[in-house]
């Protein structure tokens, strides 16, 4: 099998399964592990995969995004810890933006679980999942942005969403990203999603990034924010202490949980 065909199969499997392992690829493709490592290295250099110990996982790009089925079953324990740590930084905010995505949805759930009795909070969100998680809380007013609904994330985009956001001043925004890097800031594959996120950045006083370590060192198609725009990056311990320091030098406090 030629290298191009091998790499196409590796990429397709990574996108279908969410991760590939060197050992299983070597067995299935009937090649040496070093051949697989070389293929992975080339796919990483082209920005299509991100290397992790023992294998690789796909980088979300303009042509590919993982669906909710994968997102809701991947690294759940880490996402819950991140959400709890992020919710603890509410800091008296009375209005909050909750981004699309599974980790921001968990932030919404953590906020609802820890909001002191009698405290009132207004939550603006583009996410039907986050809105549903908060809808029955009597202390939380939910404002759901209108627009085109993306089935991949169950969130709204386009001008109906951005137009409303332009009229708001939000105390604190919890934002996710498909990629975050020191070179390119925070990125996402879809221009319509990037437009909503960029307007949230412009309309909010404080911003906190929430995301697992696999987002770090990754660059997507559309940049919507720079690292100094954020007061904190909340992630898991898969980001090394040395890498966390490199990000913190650019402004935000990096919290590894």
C-alpha atoms as a PDB file:
ATOM      1  CA  UNK A   1       0.000   0.000   0.000  1.00  0.00           C
ATOM      2  CA  UNK A   2       1.335   3.430  -0.971  1.00  0.00           C
ATOM      3  CA  UNK A   3       1.928   6.070   1.704  1.00  0.00           C
ATOM      4  CA  UNK A   4      -0.828   8.366   0.357  1.00  0.00           C
ATOM      5  CA  UNK A   5      -3.451   5.632   0.614  1.00  0.00           C
ATOM      6  CA  UNK A   6      -2.235   4.600   4.071  1.00  0.00           C
ATOM      7  CA  UNK A   7      -2.476   8.169   5.291  1.00  0.00           C
ATOM      8  CA  UNK A   8      -5.981   8.571   3.839  1.00  0.00           C
ATOM      9  CA  UNK A   9      -7.066   5.474   5.751  1.00  0.00           C
ATOM     10  CA  UNK A  10      -5.389   6.663   8.948  1.00  0.00           C
ATOM     11  CA  UNK A  11      -7.064  10.072   8.727  1.00  0.00           C
ATOM     12  CA  UNK A  12     -10.481   8.553   7.969  1.00  0.00           C
ATOM     13  CA  UNK A  13     -10.165   6.232  10.958  1.00  0.00           C
ATOM     14  CA  UNK A  14      -9.060   9.033  13.250  1.00  0.00           C
ATOM     15  CA  UNK A  15     -12.049  11.122  12.240  1.00  0.00           C
ATOM     16  CA  UNK A  16     -14.441   8.208  12.656  1.00  0.00           C
ATOM     17  CA  UNK A  17     -13.086   6.926  15.975  1.00  0.00           C
ATOM     18  CA  UNK A  18     -11.769  10.150  17.477  1.00  0.00           C
ATOM     19  CA  UNK A  19      -8.290   8.647  17.969  1.00  0.00           C
ATOM     20  CA  UNK A  20      -5.888   6.158  16.399  1.00  0.00           C
ATOM     21  CA  UNK A  21      -3.212   4.017  18.053  1.00  0.00           C
ATOM     22  CA  UNK A  22       0.151   3.182  16.506  1.00  0.00           C
ATOM     23  CA  UNK A  23       0.027  -0.488  17.489  1.00  0.00           C
ATOM     24  CA  UNK A  24      -3.452  -1.209  16.102  1.00  0.00           C
ATOM     25  CA  UNK A  25      -2.750   0.729  12.895  1.00  0.00           C
ATOM     26  CA  UNK A  26       0.447  -1.243  12.340  1.00  0.00           C
ATOM     27  CA  UNK A  27      -1.465  -4.517  12.746  1.00  0.00           C
ATOM     28  CA  UNK A  28      -4.392  -3.523  10.547  1.00  0.00           C
ATOM     29  CA  UNK A  29      -2.278  -1.959   7.785  1.00  0.00           C
ATOM     30  CA  UNK A  30       0.324  -4.728   8.020  1.00  0.00           C
ATOM     31  CA  UNK A  31       3.259  -2.357   8.262  1.00  0.00           C
ATOM     32  CA  UNK A  32       5.941  -1.681  10.848  1.00  0.00           C
ATOM     33  CA  UNK A  33       5.126   0.648  13.756  1.00  0.00           C
ATOM     34  CA  UNK A  34       7.859   3.001  12.533  1.00  0.00           C
ATOM     35  CA  UNK A  35       6.049   3.307   9.196  1.00  0.00           C
ATOM     36  CA  UNK A  36       2.872   4.311  11.042  1.00  0.00           C
ATOM     37  CA  UNK A  37       4.815   6.823  13.137  1.00  0.00           C
ATOM     38  CA  UNK A  38       6.225   8.348   9.964  1.00  0.00           C
ATOM     39  CA  UNK A  39       2.723   8.588   8.449  1.00  0.00           C
ATOM     40  CA  UNK A  40       1.407  10.215  11.632  1.00  0.00           C
ATOM     41  CA  UNK A  41       4.325  12.647  11.658  1.00  0.00           C
ATOM     42  CA  UNK A  42       3.516  13.743   8.098  1.00  0.00           C
ATOM     43  CA  UNK A  43      -0.188  14.147   8.900  1.00  0.00           C
ATOM     44  CA  UNK A  44       0.730  16.205  11.962  1.00  0.00           C
ATOM     45  CA  UNK A  45       3.014  18.411   9.856  1.00  0.00           C
ATOM     46  CA  UNK A  46       0.106  19.045   7.469  1.00  0.00           C
ATOM     47  CA  UNK A  47      -2.078  20.103  10.415  1.00  0.00           C
ATOM     48  CA  UNK A  48      -4.530  17.198  10.074  1.00  0.00           C
ATOM     49  CA  UNK A  49      -3.690  15.236  13.224  1.00  0.00           C
ATOM     50  CA  UNK A  50      -2.335  16.053  16.647  1.00  0.00           C
ATOM     51  CA  UNK A  51       0.132  13.601  18.166  1.00  0.00           C
ATOM     52  CA  UNK A  52      -0.597  12.144  21.581  1.00  0.00           C
ATOM     53  CA  UNK A  53       1.138   9.392  23.511  1.00  0.00           C
ATOM     54  CA  UNK A  54       0.773   6.144  21.595  1.00  0.00           C
ATOM     55  CA  UNK A  55      -1.171   7.592  18.691  1.00  0.00           C
ATOM     56  CA  UNK A  56      -2.960  10.693  17.409  1.00  0.00           C
ATOM     57  CA  UNK A  57      -6.344  12.360  17.238  1.00  0.00           C
ATOM     58  CA  UNK A  58      -7.885  14.473  14.450  1.00  0.00           C
ATOM     59  CA  UNK A  59      -7.617  18.240  14.286  1.00  0.00           C
ATOM     60  CA  UNK A  60     -10.961  19.825  13.513  1.00  0.00           C
ATOM     61  CA  UNK A  61     -10.647  21.749  10.258  1.00  0.00           C
ATOM     62  CA  UNK A  62     -12.821  23.551   7.722  1.00  0.00           C
ATOM     63  CA  UNK A  63     -13.659  20.155   6.206  1.00  0.00           C
ATOM     64  CA  UNK A  64     -14.198  18.227   9.410  1.00  0.00           C
ATOM     65  CA  UNK A  65     -15.788  18.671  12.825  1.00  0.00           C
ATOM     66  CA  UNK A  66     -16.560  15.949  15.332  1.00  0.00           C
ATOM     67  CA  UNK A  67     -20.232  15.439  16.143  1.00  0.00           C
ATOM     68  CA  UNK A  68     -22.051  15.534  19.461  1.00  0.00           C
ATOM     69  CA  UNK A  69     -21.934  11.761  19.834  1.00  0.00           C
ATOM     70  CA  UNK A  70     -18.153  11.840  19.994  1.00  0.00           C
ATOM     71  CA  UNK A  71     -17.971  15.026  22.071  1.00  0.00           C
ATOM     72  CA  UNK A  72     -20.384  13.759  24.710  1.00  0.00           C
ATOM     73  CA  UNK A  73     -18.422  10.525  25.198  1.00  0.00           C
ATOM     74  CA  UNK A  74     -14.847  11.840  25.110  1.00  0.00           C
ATOM     75  CA  UNK A  75     -12.866  12.908  28.209  1.00  0.00           C
ATOM     76  CA  UNK A  76     -16.003  13.462  30.276  1.00  0.00           C
ATOM     77  CA  UNK A  77     -14.255  13.404  33.668  1.00  0.00           C
ATOM     78  CA  UNK A  78     -11.777  16.047  32.526  1.00  0.00           C
ATOM     79  CA  UNK A  79     -14.549  18.223  31.104  1.00  0.00           C
ATOM     80  CA  UNK A  80     -16.515  18.079  34.363  1.00  0.00           C
ATOM     81  CA  UNK A  81     -13.459  19.125  36.376  1.00  0.00           C
ATOM     82  CA  UNK A  82     -12.816  21.987  33.976  1.00  0.00           C
ATOM     83  CA  UNK A  83     -16.452  23.077  34.184  1.00  0.00           C
ATOM     84  CA  UNK A  84     -16.415  23.078  37.996  1.00  0.00           C
ATOM     85  CA  UNK A  85     -13.195  25.100  38.129  1.00  0.00           C
ATOM     86  CA  UNK A  86     -14.522  27.594  35.584  1.00  0.00           C
ATOM     87  CA  UNK A  87     -17.882  28.010  37.356  1.00  0.00           C
ATOM     88  CA  UNK A  88     -16.014  28.815  40.564  1.00  0.00           C
ATOM     89  CA  UNK A  89     -14.653  31.951  38.856  1.00  0.00           C
ATOM     90  CA  UNK A  90     -18.092  33.539  38.444  1.00  0.00           C
ATOM     91  CA  UNK A  91     -16.889  36.333  40.716  1.00  0.00           C
ATOM     92  CA  UNK A  92     -20.210  38.100  41.259  1.00  0.00           C
ATOM     93  CA  UNK A  93     -21.105  38.335  37.565  1.00  0.00           C
ATOM     94  CA  UNK A  94     -24.775  39.066  36.988  1.00  0.00           C
ATOM     95  CA  UNK A  95     -24.778  38.328  33.247  1.00  0.00           C
ATOM     96  CA  UNK A  96     -22.952  35.417  31.643  1.00  0.00           C
ATOM     97  CA  UNK A  97     -22.485  34.081  28.139  1.00  0.00           C
ATOM     98  CA  UNK A  98     -22.321  30.302  27.705  1.00  0.00           C
ATOM     99  CA  UNK A  99     -20.766  29.143  24.431  1.00  0.00           C
ATOM    100  CA  UNK A 100     -21.739  26.179  22.285  1.00  0.00           C
ATOM    101  CA  UNK A 101     -20.063  22.848  23.024  1.00  0.00           C
ATOM    102  CA  UNK A 102     -20.140  20.094  25.625  1.00  0.00           C
ATOM    103  CA  UNK A 103     -17.669  21.660  28.070  1.00  0.00           C
ATOM    104  CA  UNK A 104     -19.516  25.020  28.147  1.00  0.00           C
ATOM    105  CA  UNK A 105     -22.761  23.086  28.661  1.00  0.00           C
ATOM    106  CA  UNK A 106     -21.161  21.480  31.704  1.00  0.00           C
ATOM    107  CA  UNK A 107     -20.151  24.950  32.902  1.00  0.00           C
ATOM    108  CA  UNK A 108     -23.841  25.895  32.732  1.00  0.00           C
ATOM    109  CA  UNK A 109     -24.748  22.839  34.805  1.00  0.00           C
ATOM    110  CA  UNK A 110     -22.003  23.614  37.338  1.00  0.00           C
ATOM    111  CA  UNK A 111     -23.174  27.212  37.682  1.00  0.00           C
ATOM    112  CA  UNK A 112     -26.759  26.078  38.312  1.00  0.00           C
ATOM    113  CA  UNK A 113     -25.548  23.607  40.946  1.00  0.00           C
ATOM    114  CA  UNK A 114     -23.412  26.124  42.836  1.00  0.00           C
ATOM    115  CA  UNK A 115     -25.292  29.433  42.462  1.00  0.00           C
ATOM    116  CA  UNK A 116     -25.963  30.702  46.010  1.00  0.00           C
ATOM    117  CA  UNK A 117     -29.664  30.657  46.983  1.00  0.00           C
ATOM    118  CA  UNK A 118     -31.369  33.919  46.129  1.00  0.00           C
ATOM    119  CA  UNK A 119     -28.697  35.038  43.647  1.00  0.00           C
ATOM    120  CA  UNK A 120     -30.100  36.007  40.271  1.00  0.00           C
ATOM    121  CA  UNK A 121     -28.232  35.428  37.022  1.00  0.00           C
ATOM    122  CA  UNK A 122     -28.952  36.197  33.379  1.00  0.00           C
ATOM    123  CA  UNK A 123     -27.437  33.719  30.941  1.00  0.00           C
ATOM    124  CA  UNK A 124     -27.094  34.473  27.233  1.00  0.00           C
ATOM    125  CA  UNK A 125     -26.325  31.475  25.049  1.00  0.00           C
ATOM    126  CA  UNK A 126     -26.322  30.231  21.481  1.00  0.00           C
ATOM    127  CA  UNK A 127     -26.524  26.626  22.719  1.00  0.00           C
ATOM    128  CA  UNK A 128     -29.828  24.783  22.935  1.00  0.00           C
ATOM    129  CA  UNK A 129     -28.109  22.266  25.220  1.00  0.00           C
ATOM    130  CA  UNK A 130     -26.966  24.921  27.698  1.00  0.00           C
ATOM    131  CA  UNK A 131     -30.343  26.665  27.560  1.00  0.00           C
ATOM    132  CA  UNK A 132     -32.106  23.379  28.306  1.00  0.00           C
ATOM    133  CA  UNK A 133     -29.808  22.686  31.243  1.00  0.00           C
ATOM    134  CA  UNK A 134     -30.776  26.019  32.846  1.00  0.00           C
ATOM    135  CA  UNK A 135     -34.363  26.519  31.764  1.00  0.00           C
ATOM    136  CA  UNK A 136     -35.999  25.227  34.958  1.00  0.00           C
ATOM    137  CA  UNK A 137     -33.845  27.154  37.417  1.00  0.00           C
ATOM    138  CA  UNK A 138     -35.985  29.924  38.966  1.00  0.00           C
ATOM    139  CA  UNK A 139     -32.919  32.060  39.741  1.00  0.00           C
ATOM    140  CA  UNK A 140     -31.605  32.031  36.166  1.00  0.00           C
ATOM    141  CA  UNK A 141     -33.064  33.970  33.241  1.00  0.00           C
ATOM    142  CA  UNK A 142     -32.039  32.383  29.931  1.00  0.00           C
ATOM    143  CA  UNK A 143     -31.781  34.422  26.737  1.00  0.00           C
ATOM    144  CA  UNK A 144     -31.391  32.088  23.757  1.00  0.00           C
ATOM    145  CA  UNK A 145     -29.909  33.682  20.654  1.00  0.00           C
ATOM    146  CA  UNK A 146     -31.804  33.179  17.401  1.00  0.00           C
ATOM    147  CA  UNK A 147     -30.363  32.277  14.023  1.00  0.00           C
ATOM    148  CA  UNK A 148     -29.505  29.256  11.942  1.00  0.00           C
ATOM    149  CA  UNK A 149     -29.229  26.075  13.997  1.00  0.00           C
ATOM    150  CA  UNK A 150     -26.109  23.958  13.436  1.00  0.00           C
ATOM    151  CA  UNK A 151     -26.932  20.296  13.926  1.00  0.00           C
ATOM    152  CA  UNK A 152     -23.320  19.425  14.758  1.00  0.00           C
ATOM    153  CA  UNK A 153     -23.389  21.493  17.944  1.00  0.00           C
ATOM    154  CA  UNK A 154     -27.090  22.330  18.411  1.00  0.00           C
ATOM    155  CA  UNK A 155     -26.220  26.034  18.512  1.00  0.00           C
ATOM    156  CA  UNK A 156     -27.281  29.109  16.565  1.00  0.00           C
ATOM    157  CA  UNK A 157     -25.193  31.284  14.256  1.00  0.00           C
ATOM    158  CA  UNK A 158     -25.451  34.045  11.629  1.00  0.00           C
ATOM    159  CA  UNK A 159     -26.670  37.619  11.751  1.00  0.00           C
ATOM    160  CA  UNK A 160     -29.676  37.144  14.072  1.00  0.00           C
ATOM    161  CA  UNK A 161     -27.273  35.978  16.761  1.00  0.00           C
ATOM    162  CA  UNK A 162     -24.521  38.536  16.159  1.00  0.00           C
ATOM    163  CA  UNK A 163     -26.988  41.433  15.890  1.00  0.00           C
ATOM    164  CA  UNK A 164     -28.393  40.761  19.361  1.00  0.00           C
ATOM    165  CA  UNK A 165     -24.915  40.314  20.845  1.00  0.00           C
ATOM    166  CA  UNK A 166     -23.861  43.747  19.549  1.00  0.00           C
ATOM    167  CA  UNK A 167     -26.519  45.343  21.760  1.00  0.00           C
ATOM    168  CA  UNK A 168     -25.384  43.609  24.961  1.00  0.00           C
ATOM    169  CA  UNK A 169     -22.727  44.237  27.597  1.00  0.00           C
ATOM    170  CA  UNK A 170     -22.009  40.889  29.276  1.00  0.00           C
ATOM    171  CA  UNK A 171     -20.105  40.577  32.554  1.00  0.00           C
ATOM    172  CA  UNK A 172     -18.435  37.229  31.867  1.00  0.00           C
ATOM    173  CA  UNK A 173     -18.184  34.896  28.866  1.00  0.00           C
ATOM    174  CA  UNK A 174     -17.282  31.208  29.009  1.00  0.00           C
ATOM    175  CA  UNK A 175     -15.917  30.323  25.575  1.00  0.00           C
ATOM    176  CA  UNK A 176     -14.648  27.169  23.941  1.00  0.00           C
ATOM    177  CA  UNK A 177     -12.605  26.717  20.778  1.00  0.00           C
ATOM    178  CA  UNK A 178     -11.610  23.977  18.369  1.00  0.00           C
ATOM    179  CA  UNK A 179      -8.003  25.059  18.674  1.00  0.00           C
ATOM    180  CA  UNK A 180      -5.868  27.323  20.844  1.00  0.00           C
ATOM    181  CA  UNK A 181      -2.243  28.163  20.130  1.00  0.00           C
ATOM    182  CA  UNK A 182       0.302  30.786  21.100  1.00  0.00           C
ATOM    183  CA  UNK A 183       0.870  31.589  17.420  1.00  0.00           C
ATOM    184  CA  UNK A 184      -2.729  31.936  16.221  1.00  0.00           C
ATOM    185  CA  UNK A 185      -4.864  32.453  19.319  1.00  0.00           C
ATOM    186  CA  UNK A 186      -8.307  30.818  19.470  1.00  0.00           C
ATOM    187  CA  UNK A 187      -9.701  29.284  16.300  1.00  0.00           C
ATOM    188  CA  UNK A 188     -12.660  27.355  14.933  1.00  0.00           C
ATOM    189  CA  UNK A 189     -13.361  25.759  11.521  1.00  0.00           C
ATOM    190  CA  UNK A 190     -16.627  27.525  10.654  1.00  0.00           C
ATOM    191  CA  UNK A 191     -16.651  31.262   9.769  1.00  0.00           C
ATOM    192  CA  UNK A 192     -20.225  31.638  11.027  1.00  0.00           C
ATOM    193  CA  UNK A 193     -19.282  30.208  14.421  1.00  0.00           C
ATOM    194  CA  UNK A 194     -16.184  32.404  14.529  1.00  0.00           C
ATOM    195  CA  UNK A 195     -18.336  35.497  13.900  1.00  0.00           C
ATOM    196  CA  UNK A 196     -20.554  34.717  16.907  1.00  0.00           C
ATOM    197  CA  UNK A 197     -17.573  34.024  19.164  1.00  0.00           C
ATOM    198  CA  UNK A 198     -15.758  37.182  18.024  1.00  0.00           C
ATOM    199  CA  UNK A 199     -18.814  39.281  18.831  1.00  0.00           C
ATOM    200  CA  UNK A 200     -19.034  37.675  22.275  1.00  0.00           C
ATOM    201  CA  UNK A 201     -15.404  38.662  22.871  1.00  0.00           C
ATOM    202  CA  UNK A 202     -16.237  42.237  21.840  1.00  0.00           C
ATOM    203  CA  UNK A 203     -19.383  42.376  24.002  1.00  0.00           C
ATOM    204  CA  UNK A 204     -18.003  40.893  27.237  1.00  0.00           C
ATOM    205  CA  UNK A 205     -15.997  42.462  30.065  1.00  0.00           C
ATOM    206  CA  UNK A 206     -14.305  39.222  31.162  1.00  0.00           C
ATOM    207  CA  UNK A 207     -13.591  36.036  29.221  1.00  0.00           C
ATOM    208  CA  UNK A 208     -12.633  32.529  30.323  1.00  0.00           C
ATOM    209  CA  UNK A 209     -11.622  29.756  27.945  1.00  0.00           C
ATOM    210  CA  UNK A 210     -12.728  26.222  28.831  1.00  0.00           C
ATOM    211  CA  UNK A 211     -11.325  23.218  26.990  1.00  0.00           C
ATOM    212  CA  UNK A 212      -9.433  19.953  27.291  1.00  0.00           C
ATOM    213  CA  UNK A 213      -5.715  19.682  26.632  1.00  0.00           C
ATOM    214  CA  UNK A 214      -6.194  18.291  23.115  1.00  0.00           C
ATOM    215  CA  UNK A 215      -7.274  21.774  21.983  1.00  0.00           C
ATOM    216  CA  UNK A 216      -3.851  23.224  22.810  1.00  0.00           C
ATOM    217  CA  UNK A 217      -1.254  23.655  20.100  1.00  0.00           C
ATOM    218  CA  UNK A 218      -3.969  23.332  17.440  1.00  0.00           C
ATOM    219  CA  UNK A 219      -4.885  25.979  14.851  1.00  0.00           C
ATOM    220  CA  UNK A 220      -8.161  25.975  12.934  1.00  0.00           C
ATOM    221  CA  UNK A 221      -9.388  27.903   9.902  1.00  0.00           C
ATOM    222  CA  UNK A 222     -10.889  31.023  11.520  1.00  0.00           C
ATOM    223  CA  UNK A 223      -9.363  33.023  14.355  1.00  0.00           C
ATOM    224  CA  UNK A 224     -11.849  34.757  16.650  1.00  0.00           C
ATOM    225  CA  UNK A 225      -9.740  35.895  19.616  1.00  0.00           C
ATOM    226  CA  UNK A 226      -6.201  36.397  20.876  1.00  0.00           C
ATOM    227  CA  UNK A 227      -4.815  34.959  24.103  1.00  0.00           C
ATOM    228  CA  UNK A 228      -4.518  38.344  25.892  1.00  0.00           C
ATOM    229  CA  UNK A 229      -8.319  38.723  25.501  1.00  0.00           C
ATOM    230  CA  UNK A 230      -8.767  36.094  28.257  1.00  0.00           C
ATOM    231  CA  UNK A 231      -8.327  36.367  32.010  1.00  0.00           C
ATOM    232  CA  UNK A 232      -8.032  32.588  32.362  1.00  0.00           C
ATOM    233  CA  UNK A 233      -7.631  29.369  30.389  1.00  0.00           C
ATOM    234  CA  UNK A 234      -9.165  26.437  32.281  1.00  0.00           C
ATOM    235  CA  UNK A 235      -7.988  23.014  31.125  1.00  0.00           C
ATOM    236  CA  UNK A 236      -6.812  19.654  32.449  1.00  0.00           C
ATOM    237  CA  UNK A 237      -3.398  18.387  33.502  1.00  0.00           C
ATOM    238  CA  UNK A 238      -2.749  17.032  30.015  1.00  0.00           C
ATOM    239  CA  UNK A 239      -1.301  20.496  29.409  1.00  0.00           C
ATOM    240  CA  UNK A 240       2.148  20.340  30.985  1.00  0.00           C
ATOM    241  CA  UNK A 241       3.241  22.894  33.577  1.00  0.00           C
ATOM    242  CA  UNK A 242       5.891  24.193  31.173  1.00  0.00           C
ATOM    243  CA  UNK A 243       3.359  24.650  28.355  1.00  0.00           C
ATOM    244  CA  UNK A 244       0.955  26.336  30.774  1.00  0.00           C
ATOM    245  CA  UNK A 245       3.690  28.803  31.671  1.00  0.00           C
ATOM    246  CA  UNK A 246       4.325  29.582  27.989  1.00  0.00           C
ATOM    247  CA  UNK A 247       0.644  30.448  27.553  1.00  0.00           C
ATOM    248  CA  UNK A 248       0.468  32.455  30.770  1.00  0.00           C
ATOM    249  CA  UNK A 249       3.350  34.664  29.625  1.00  0.00           C
ATOM    250  CA  UNK A 250       0.943  36.014  26.986  1.00  0.00           C
ATOM    251  CA  UNK A 251      -1.536  37.213  29.616  1.00  0.00           C
ATOM    252  CA  UNK A 252      -4.120  34.691  30.807  1.00  0.00           C
ATOM    253  CA  UNK A 253      -3.887  32.710  34.026  1.00  0.00           C
ATOM    254  CA  UNK A 254      -3.720  29.001  33.120  1.00  0.00           C
ATOM    255  CA  UNK A 255      -5.642  26.693  35.468  1.00  0.00           C
ATOM    256  CA  UNK A 256      -4.896  22.951  35.205  1.00  0.00           C
ATOM    257  CA  UNK A 257      -7.416  20.763  36.978  1.00  0.00           C
END
